[in-house]
Amino acid sequence: MTKTAVITGITSGIGQAIKTRLEAEQWRVLGISRHLPVDQEGYEADLSHLDSVEPLASRISADCKSIDA
């Protein structure tokens, strides 16, 4: 069974490095970014706006059976 990870900041830095590593290990990576690349599965959100966090968490919960990381 494929493991699923939700990673913030996937377009650069540590988030991008984690994304690359997990994808190499055959994980399903759901990214969260203010500007999600078109080829990336995930969600566009600005987590600096706290009022967007709860709706995002609800969407992720509805879309995913389980999250492993």
N, C-alpha and C. Protein backbone atom coordinates (compact mmCIF):
# COMPACT_ATOMS: atom_id res chain seq x y z
N MET A 1 0.84 -1.18 0.00
CA MET A 1 0.00 0.00 0.00
C MET A 1 0.88 1.24 0.00
N THR A 2 0.51 2.21 -0.80
CA THR A 2 1.27 3.45 -0.90
C THR A 2 1.02 4.32 0.33
N LYS A 3 2.10 4.85 0.87
CA LYS A 3 1.98 5.77 2.00
C LYS A 3 1.73 7.18 1.48
N THR A 4 1.03 7.98 2.28
CA THR A 4 0.69 9.34 1.91
C THR A 4 1.29 10.32 2.89
N ALA A 5 1.90 11.39 2.36
CA ALA A 5 2.45 12.46 3.18
C ALA A 5 1.86 13.79 2.74
N VAL A 6 1.61 14.66 3.70
CA VAL A 6 1.18 16.03 3.42
C VAL A 6 2.35 16.93 3.81
N ILE A 7 2.83 17.72 2.85
CA ILE A 7 4.02 18.54 3.08
C ILE A 7 3.73 19.98 2.72
N THR A 8 4.06 20.88 3.62
CA THR A 8 3.91 22.30 3.35
C THR A 8 5.20 22.84 2.74
N GLY A 9 5.06 23.91 1.99
CA GLY A 9 6.23 24.57 1.42
C GLY A 9 6.99 23.72 0.42
N ILE A 10 6.27 23.02 -0.44
CA ILE A 10 6.92 22.05 -1.33
C ILE A 10 7.64 22.66 -2.52
N THR A 11 7.53 23.97 -2.71
CA THR A 11 8.14 24.56 -3.91
C THR A 11 9.59 24.97 -3.72
N SER A 12 10.09 24.91 -2.48
CA SER A 12 11.50 25.29 -2.26
C SER A 12 11.99 24.76 -0.92
N GLY A 13 13.29 24.82 -0.75
CA GLY A 13 13.92 24.52 0.53
C GLY A 13 13.67 23.13 1.06
N ILE A 14 13.49 23.04 2.37
CA ILE A 14 13.32 21.75 3.06
C ILE A 14 12.08 21.02 2.57
N GLY A 15 10.98 21.74 2.38
CA GLY A 15 9.75 21.10 1.89
C GLY A 15 9.97 20.43 0.54
N GLN A 16 10.67 21.09 -0.34
CA GLN A 16 10.96 20.52 -1.66
C GLN A 16 11.87 19.30 -1.54
N ALA A 17 12.86 19.38 -0.66
CA ALA A 17 13.77 18.25 -0.47
C ALA A 17 13.04 17.03 0.09
N ILE A 18 12.15 17.25 1.04
CA ILE A 18 11.37 16.14 1.60
C ILE A 18 10.46 15.54 0.53
N LYS A 19 9.82 16.39 -0.24
CA LYS A 19 8.96 15.93 -1.34
C LYS A 19 9.74 15.03 -2.30
N THR A 20 10.91 15.48 -2.73
CA THR A 20 11.74 14.73 -3.67
C THR A 20 12.13 13.38 -3.08
N ARG A 21 12.53 13.37 -1.83
CA ARG A 21 12.96 12.12 -1.18
C ARG A 21 11.80 11.13 -1.06
N LEU A 22 10.65 11.61 -0.60
CA LEU A 22 9.51 10.70 -0.43
C LEU A 22 9.00 10.18 -1.77
N GLU A 23 8.96 11.03 -2.78
CA GLU A 23 8.54 10.57 -4.10
C GLU A 23 9.50 9.51 -4.64
N ALA A 24 10.77 9.65 -4.37
CA ALA A 24 11.75 8.64 -4.80
C ALA A 24 11.51 7.30 -4.10
N GLU A 25 10.90 7.37 -2.92
CA GLU A 25 10.57 6.16 -2.17
C GLU A 25 9.13 5.70 -2.41
N GLN A 26 8.52 6.23 -3.47
CA GLN A 26 7.19 5.84 -3.93
C GLN A 26 6.03 6.27 -3.01
N TRP A 27 6.23 7.31 -2.24
CA TRP A 27 5.15 7.88 -1.43
C TRP A 27 4.24 8.72 -2.33
N ARG A 28 3.00 8.83 -1.93
CA ARG A 28 2.07 9.81 -2.52
C ARG A 28 2.26 11.10 -1.72
N VAL A 29 2.64 12.16 -2.40
CA VAL A 29 2.91 13.42 -1.72
C VAL A 29 1.83 14.43 -2.08
N LEU A 30 1.14 14.92 -1.06
CA LEU A 30 0.17 15.99 -1.22
C LEU A 30 0.85 17.26 -0.74
N GLY A 31 1.00 18.20 -1.64
CA GLY A 31 1.68 19.44 -1.29
C GLY A 31 0.71 20.52 -0.86
N ILE A 32 1.20 21.41 -0.03
CA ILE A 32 0.48 22.61 0.34
C ILE A 32 1.41 23.78 0.05
N SER A 33 0.91 24.70 -0.76
CA SER A 33 1.71 25.85 -1.14
C SER A 33 0.80 26.99 -1.55
N ARG A 34 1.30 28.21 -1.43
CA ARG A 34 0.51 29.35 -1.91
C ARG A 34 0.34 29.30 -3.42
N HIS A 35 1.34 28.74 -4.10
CA HIS A 35 1.30 28.62 -5.56
C HIS A 35 1.71 27.20 -5.91
N LEU A 36 0.75 26.31 -5.98
CA LEU A 36 1.01 24.90 -6.24
C LEU A 36 1.37 24.68 -7.71
N PRO A 37 2.48 24.00 -7.97
CA PRO A 37 2.82 23.70 -9.37
C PRO A 37 1.72 22.86 -10.02
N VAL A 38 1.50 23.04 -11.32
CA VAL A 38 0.41 22.34 -12.00
C VAL A 38 0.57 20.82 -11.99
N ASP A 39 1.80 20.34 -11.90
CA ASP A 39 2.02 18.90 -11.90
C ASP A 39 2.06 18.29 -10.50
N GLN A 40 1.69 19.06 -9.48
CA GLN A 40 1.75 18.60 -8.10
C GLN A 40 0.34 18.38 -7.55
N GLU A 41 0.11 17.20 -7.02
CA GLU A 41 -1.16 16.92 -6.34
C GLU A 41 -1.14 17.63 -4.99
N GLY A 42 -2.23 18.28 -4.65
CA GLY A 42 -2.26 18.94 -3.35
C GLY A 42 -3.24 20.10 -3.30
N TYR A 43 -2.87 21.09 -2.51
CA TYR A 43 -3.79 22.18 -2.17
C TYR A 43 -3.07 23.51 -2.19
N GLU A 44 -3.73 24.50 -2.74
CA GLU A 44 -3.21 25.87 -2.66
C GLU A 44 -3.80 26.51 -1.41
N ALA A 45 -2.91 27.00 -0.55
CA ALA A 45 -3.36 27.66 0.67
C ALA A 45 -2.24 28.51 1.21
N ASP A 46 -2.61 29.59 1.85
CA ASP A 46 -1.64 30.45 2.53
C ASP A 46 -1.83 30.23 4.02
N LEU A 47 -0.96 29.44 4.61
CA LEU A 47 -1.10 29.06 6.01
C LEU A 47 -0.75 30.18 6.97
N SER A 48 -0.29 31.32 6.45
CA SER A 48 -0.08 32.47 7.33
C SER A 48 -1.41 33.12 7.70
N HIS A 49 -2.47 32.75 7.00
CA HIS A 49 -3.82 33.20 7.33
C HIS A 49 -4.49 32.07 8.13
N LEU A 50 -4.54 32.22 9.42
CA LEU A 50 -5.03 31.14 10.29
C LEU A 50 -6.46 30.71 9.98
N ASP A 51 -7.27 31.62 9.44
CA ASP A 51 -8.64 31.24 9.12
C ASP A 51 -8.72 30.27 7.94
N SER A 52 -7.63 30.02 7.24
CA SER A 52 -7.62 29.06 6.14
C SER A 52 -7.20 27.66 6.59
N VAL A 53 -6.68 27.54 7.81
CA VAL A 53 -6.14 26.25 8.26
C VAL A 53 -7.24 25.21 8.49
N GLU A 54 -8.27 25.56 9.22
CA GLU A 54 -9.32 24.59 9.52
C GLU A 54 -10.06 24.10 8.27
N PRO A 55 -10.46 24.99 7.35
CA PRO A 55 -11.08 24.48 6.12
C PRO A 55 -10.16 23.57 5.31
N LEU A 56 -8.88 23.90 5.28
CA LEU A 56 -7.91 23.06 4.57
C LEU A 56 -7.81 21.69 5.23
N ALA A 57 -7.73 21.66 6.53
CA ALA A 57 -7.65 20.38 7.25
C ALA A 57 -8.90 19.53 6.98
N SER A 58 -10.05 20.17 6.92
CA SER A 58 -11.29 19.44 6.62
C SER A 58 -11.26 18.87 5.21
N ARG A 59 -10.77 19.64 4.25
CA ARG A 59 -10.67 19.14 2.86
C ARG A 59 -9.73 17.95 2.77
N ILE A 60 -8.58 18.07 3.43
CA ILE A 60 -7.61 16.97 3.40
C ILE A 60 -8.20 15.72 4.03
N SER A 61 -8.86 15.89 5.15
CA SER A 61 -9.49 14.77 5.85
C SER A 61 -10.54 14.10 4.98
N ALA A 62 -11.31 14.88 4.25
CA ALA A 62 -12.34 14.33 3.38
C ALA A 62 -11.74 13.62 2.17
N ASP A 63 -10.59 14.08 1.69
CA ASP A 63 -9.97 13.53 0.49
C ASP A 63 -9.10 12.30 0.74
N CYS A 64 -8.62 12.13 1.97
CA CYS A 64 -7.65 11.08 2.25
C CYS A 64 -8.18 10.08 3.28
N LYS A 65 -8.02 8.81 2.97
CA LYS A 65 -8.38 7.79 3.95
C LYS A 65 -7.45 7.84 5.16
N SER A 66 -6.16 7.92 4.85
CA SER A 66 -5.17 8.00 5.93
C SER A 66 -3.98 8.82 5.47
N ILE A 67 -3.31 9.41 6.45
CA ILE A 67 -2.09 10.17 6.19
C ILE A 67 -1.00 9.56 7.06
N ASP A 68 0.12 9.22 6.45
CA ASP A 68 1.20 8.55 7.16
C ASP A 68 2.28 9.50 7.66
N ALA A 69 2.37 10.66 7.05
CA ALA A 69 3.37 11.65 7.49
C ALA A 69 2.96 13.03 7.05
